[in-house]
Amino acid sequence: MPAEYVRLTVRLRKDLHTKLEVLALARGLSLNSLINEAVEEYVVKREAENREALLKAREALEQLRKGKGQVSSPVNEADEVDGA
């Protein structure tokens, strides 16, 4: 099954963007792939460090979704309207 993606717009300082481009080029990756890899590593590290707090936050989010319907971001709603 292919991966499902969402669109995310992020502003980076020009110097950081340049460093990321150089790292991606050196590793033979696209900038998008490099950023996805970096974010995934960050999430895995933070999940391991904060497992209990994350479980509580997920439970709270589930309760919110049950009570109010699913929470969505404005970007996801716009994508649905555009058909993207």
N, C-alpha and C. Protein backbone atom coordinates (compact mmCIF):
# COMPACT_ATOMS: atom_id res chain seq x y z
N MET A 1 0.85 -1.17 0.00
CA MET A 1 0.00 0.00 0.00
C MET A 1 0.90 1.24 0.00
N PRO A 2 0.67 2.18 -0.94
CA PRO A 2 1.51 3.38 -0.98
C PRO A 2 1.28 4.26 0.24
N ALA A 3 2.33 5.00 0.58
CA ALA A 3 2.24 5.90 1.73
C ALA A 3 1.28 7.04 1.42
N GLU A 4 0.61 7.51 2.45
CA GLU A 4 -0.28 8.66 2.31
C GLU A 4 0.47 9.89 2.79
N TYR A 5 0.38 10.98 2.06
CA TYR A 5 1.12 12.18 2.39
C TYR A 5 0.19 13.36 2.63
N VAL A 6 0.66 14.32 3.39
CA VAL A 6 0.00 15.61 3.54
C VAL A 6 0.99 16.69 3.16
N ARG A 7 0.48 17.82 2.79
CA ARG A 7 1.33 18.94 2.41
C ARG A 7 1.60 19.80 3.64
N LEU A 8 2.84 20.24 3.80
CA LEU A 8 3.24 21.08 4.92
C LEU A 8 4.13 22.19 4.39
N THR A 9 3.77 23.41 4.69
CA THR A 9 4.58 24.55 4.28
C THR A 9 5.34 25.05 5.49
N VAL A 10 6.65 25.19 5.33
CA VAL A 10 7.52 25.61 6.43
C VAL A 10 8.43 26.72 5.93
N ARG A 11 8.62 27.73 6.75
CA ARG A 11 9.59 28.77 6.43
C ARG A 11 10.91 28.44 7.12
N LEU A 12 11.98 28.46 6.34
CA LEU A 12 13.32 28.22 6.87
C LEU A 12 14.18 29.44 6.60
N ARG A 13 15.11 29.69 7.51
CA ARG A 13 16.10 30.72 7.23
C ARG A 13 16.87 30.31 5.98
N LYS A 14 17.28 31.27 5.20
CA LYS A 14 17.99 30.98 3.95
C LYS A 14 19.26 30.16 4.20
N ASP A 15 20.00 30.48 5.26
CA ASP A 15 21.24 29.74 5.53
C ASP A 15 20.96 28.28 5.88
N LEU A 16 19.88 28.03 6.62
CA LEU A 16 19.51 26.65 6.96
C LEU A 16 19.06 25.89 5.72
N HIS A 17 18.31 26.55 4.87
CA HIS A 17 17.87 25.93 3.62
C HIS A 17 19.07 25.52 2.77
N THR A 18 20.04 26.41 2.68
CA THR A 18 21.25 26.12 1.90
C THR A 18 22.00 24.92 2.48
N LYS A 19 22.13 24.86 3.81
CA LYS A 19 22.81 23.72 4.44
C LYS A 19 22.07 22.43 4.16
N LEU A 20 20.74 22.46 4.22
CA LEU A 20 19.95 21.26 3.93
C LEU A 20 20.11 20.82 2.49
N GLU A 21 20.14 21.78 1.57
CA GLU A 21 20.34 21.44 0.16
C GLU A 21 21.68 20.76 -0.06
N VAL A 22 22.72 21.26 0.58
CA VAL A 22 24.06 20.67 0.45
C VAL A 22 24.07 19.26 1.03
N LEU A 23 23.46 19.07 2.21
CA LEU A 23 23.40 17.73 2.81
C LEU A 23 22.63 16.75 1.92
N ALA A 24 21.53 17.21 1.37
CA ALA A 24 20.73 16.34 0.50
C ALA A 24 21.53 15.95 -0.73
N LEU A 25 22.18 16.90 -1.34
CA LEU A 25 23.00 16.63 -2.53
C LEU A 25 24.12 15.65 -2.21
N ALA A 26 24.79 15.84 -1.08
CA ALA A 26 25.89 14.96 -0.68
C ALA A 26 25.42 13.53 -0.45
N ARG A 27 24.17 13.37 0.00
CA ARG A 27 23.63 12.03 0.27
C ARG A 27 22.86 11.46 -0.90
N GLY A 28 22.74 12.22 -1.96
CA GLY A 28 22.01 11.75 -3.14
C GLY A 28 20.51 11.67 -2.91
N LEU A 29 20.00 12.56 -2.07
CA LEU A 29 18.57 12.58 -1.74
C LEU A 29 17.95 13.88 -2.22
N SER A 30 16.64 13.84 -2.38
CA SER A 30 15.93 15.09 -2.62
C SER A 30 15.84 15.84 -1.30
N LEU A 31 15.64 17.13 -1.37
CA LEU A 31 15.48 17.92 -0.15
C LEU A 31 14.28 17.43 0.64
N ASN A 32 13.21 17.08 -0.05
CA ASN A 32 12.01 16.55 0.60
C ASN A 32 12.32 15.26 1.36
N SER A 33 13.06 14.35 0.74
CA SER A 33 13.41 13.08 1.39
C SER A 33 14.28 13.31 2.62
N LEU A 34 15.24 14.24 2.50
CA LEU A 34 16.11 14.54 3.63
C LEU A 34 15.30 15.09 4.80
N ILE A 35 14.39 16.01 4.53
CA ILE A 35 13.57 16.60 5.59
C ILE A 35 12.65 15.55 6.22
N ASN A 36 12.04 14.69 5.40
CA ASN A 36 11.20 13.62 5.94
C ASN A 36 12.01 12.72 6.86
N GLU A 37 13.22 12.37 6.44
CA GLU A 37 14.09 11.51 7.25
C GLU A 37 14.44 12.19 8.57
N ALA A 38 14.78 13.47 8.50
CA ALA A 38 15.16 14.21 9.71
C ALA A 38 13.99 14.33 10.68
N VAL A 39 12.81 14.61 10.16
CA VAL A 39 11.63 14.74 11.01
C VAL A 39 11.28 13.40 11.64
N GLU A 40 11.39 12.32 10.87
CA GLU A 40 11.11 11.00 11.40
C GLU A 40 12.07 10.65 12.54
N GLU A 41 13.35 10.93 12.36
CA GLU A 41 14.33 10.68 13.41
C GLU A 41 14.01 11.50 14.66
N TYR A 42 13.62 12.75 14.47
CA TYR A 42 13.27 13.63 15.59
C TYR A 42 12.08 13.06 16.36
N VAL A 43 11.06 12.64 15.63
CA VAL A 43 9.85 12.10 16.26
C VAL A 43 10.17 10.84 17.04
N VAL A 44 10.92 9.93 16.47
CA VAL A 44 11.28 8.69 17.15
C VAL A 44 12.03 8.99 18.44
N LYS A 45 12.97 9.92 18.38
CA LYS A 45 13.74 10.29 19.57
C LYS A 45 12.85 10.89 20.64
N ARG A 46 11.98 11.82 20.25
CA ARG A 46 11.10 12.48 21.22
C ARG A 46 10.06 11.52 21.79
N GLU A 47 9.57 10.60 20.99
CA GLU A 47 8.61 9.60 21.49
C GLU A 47 9.26 8.74 22.57
N ALA A 48 10.50 8.36 22.34
CA ALA A 48 11.20 7.53 23.32
C ALA A 48 11.44 8.30 24.62
N GLU A 49 11.74 9.58 24.51
CA GLU A 49 12.02 10.41 25.68
C GLU A 49 10.75 10.75 26.48
N ASN A 50 9.61 10.84 25.80
CA ASN A 50 8.40 11.36 26.42
C ASN A 50 7.21 10.40 26.27
N ARG A 51 7.45 9.11 26.34
CA ARG A 51 6.41 8.13 26.07
C ARG A 51 5.15 8.34 26.91
N GLU A 52 5.28 8.54 28.21
CA GLU A 52 4.11 8.67 29.08
C GLU A 52 3.30 9.93 28.74
N ALA A 53 3.97 11.04 28.55
CA ALA A 53 3.28 12.29 28.21
C ALA A 53 2.57 12.17 26.87
N LEU A 54 3.20 11.49 25.91
CA LEU A 54 2.58 11.31 24.60
C LEU A 54 1.34 10.43 24.68
N LEU A 55 1.40 9.39 25.50
CA LEU A 55 0.22 8.53 25.66
C LEU A 55 -0.96 9.32 26.22
N LYS A 56 -0.70 10.17 27.21
CA LYS A 56 -1.75 11.00 27.78
C LYS A 56 -2.30 11.98 26.75
N ALA A 57 -1.42 12.57 25.96
CA ALA A 57 -1.84 13.53 24.93
C ALA A 57 -2.68 12.83 23.87
N ARG A 58 -2.29 11.62 23.46
CA ARG A 58 -3.07 10.87 22.47
C ARG A 58 -4.45 10.53 23.01
N GLU A 59 -4.52 10.14 24.28
CA GLU A 59 -5.81 9.84 24.91
C GLU A 59 -6.70 11.07 24.93
N ALA A 60 -6.12 12.22 25.27
CA ALA A 60 -6.89 13.47 25.30
C ALA A 60 -7.38 13.83 23.90
N LEU A 61 -6.55 13.64 22.90
CA LEU A 61 -6.94 13.92 21.53
C LEU A 61 -8.07 13.00 21.09
N GLU A 62 -7.98 11.74 21.43
CA GLU A 62 -9.05 10.78 21.11
C GLU A 62 -10.37 11.23 21.72
N GLN A 63 -10.33 11.67 22.98
CA GLN A 63 -11.54 12.13 23.66
C GLN A 63 -12.11 13.36 22.96
N LEU A 64 -11.25 14.28 22.55
CA LEU A 64 -11.71 15.47 21.82
C LEU A 64 -12.37 15.07 20.51
N ARG A 65 -11.76 14.16 19.80
CA ARG A 65 -12.31 13.73 18.51
C ARG A 65 -13.65 13.03 18.68
N LYS A 66 -13.79 12.26 19.74
CA LYS A 66 -15.07 11.58 20.00
C LYS A 66 -16.16 12.58 20.33
N GLY A 67 -15.81 13.62 21.07
CA GLY A 67 -16.79 14.60 21.50
C GLY A 67 -17.16 15.62 20.45
N LYS A 68 -16.23 16.00 19.59
CA LYS A 68 -16.47 17.09 18.65
C LYS A 68 -16.34 16.67 17.19
N GLY A 69 -16.15 15.43 16.90
CA GLY A 69 -15.84 15.03 15.54
C GLY A 69 -14.35 15.15 15.33
N GLN A 70 -13.87 14.68 14.22
CA GLN A 70 -12.43 14.66 14.00
C GLN A 70 -11.88 16.07 13.83
N VAL A 71 -10.77 16.33 14.50
CA VAL A 71 -10.09 17.61 14.40
C VAL A 71 -9.28 17.61 13.12
N SER A 72 -9.38 18.70 12.34
CA SER A 72 -8.58 18.79 11.13
C SER A 72 -7.96 20.17 11.05
N SER A 73 -6.88 20.27 10.29
CA SER A 73 -6.21 21.55 10.15
C SER A 73 -6.76 22.29 8.95
N PRO A 74 -6.63 23.62 8.91
CA PRO A 74 -7.10 24.39 7.76
C PRO A 74 -6.45 23.95 6.46
N VAL A 75 -5.18 23.51 6.50
CA VAL A 75 -4.50 23.08 5.28
C VAL A 75 -5.17 21.83 4.73
N ASN A 76 -5.49 20.86 5.60
CA ASN A 76 -6.15 19.65 5.14
C ASN A 76 -7.52 19.96 4.56
N GLU A 77 -8.26 20.87 5.18
CA GLU A 77 -9.57 21.25 4.66
C GLU A 77 -9.43 21.89 3.29
N ALA A 78 -8.43 22.73 3.11
CA ALA A 78 -8.21 23.38 1.81
C ALA A 78 -7.85 22.34 0.76
N ASP A 79 -7.04 21.36 1.12
CA ASP A 79 -6.67 20.30 0.17
C ASP A 79 -7.90 19.53 -0.27
N GLU A 80 -8.82 19.28 0.67
CA GLU A 80 -10.03 18.54 0.33
C GLU A 80 -10.88 19.34 -0.64
N VAL A 81 -10.94 20.65 -0.46
CA VAL A 81 -11.72 21.50 -1.35
C VAL A 81 -11.10 21.51 -2.73
N ASP A 82 -9.76 21.59 -2.79
CA ASP A 82 -9.05 21.63 -4.06
C ASP A 82 -9.04 20.27 -4.76
N GLY A 83 -9.34 19.23 -3.99
CA GLY A 83 -9.29 17.90 -4.55
C GLY A 83 -7.90 17.32 -4.55
N ALA A 84 -6.98 17.95 -3.86
CA ALA A 84 -5.59 17.47 -3.82
C ALA A 84 -5.44 16.35 -2.84
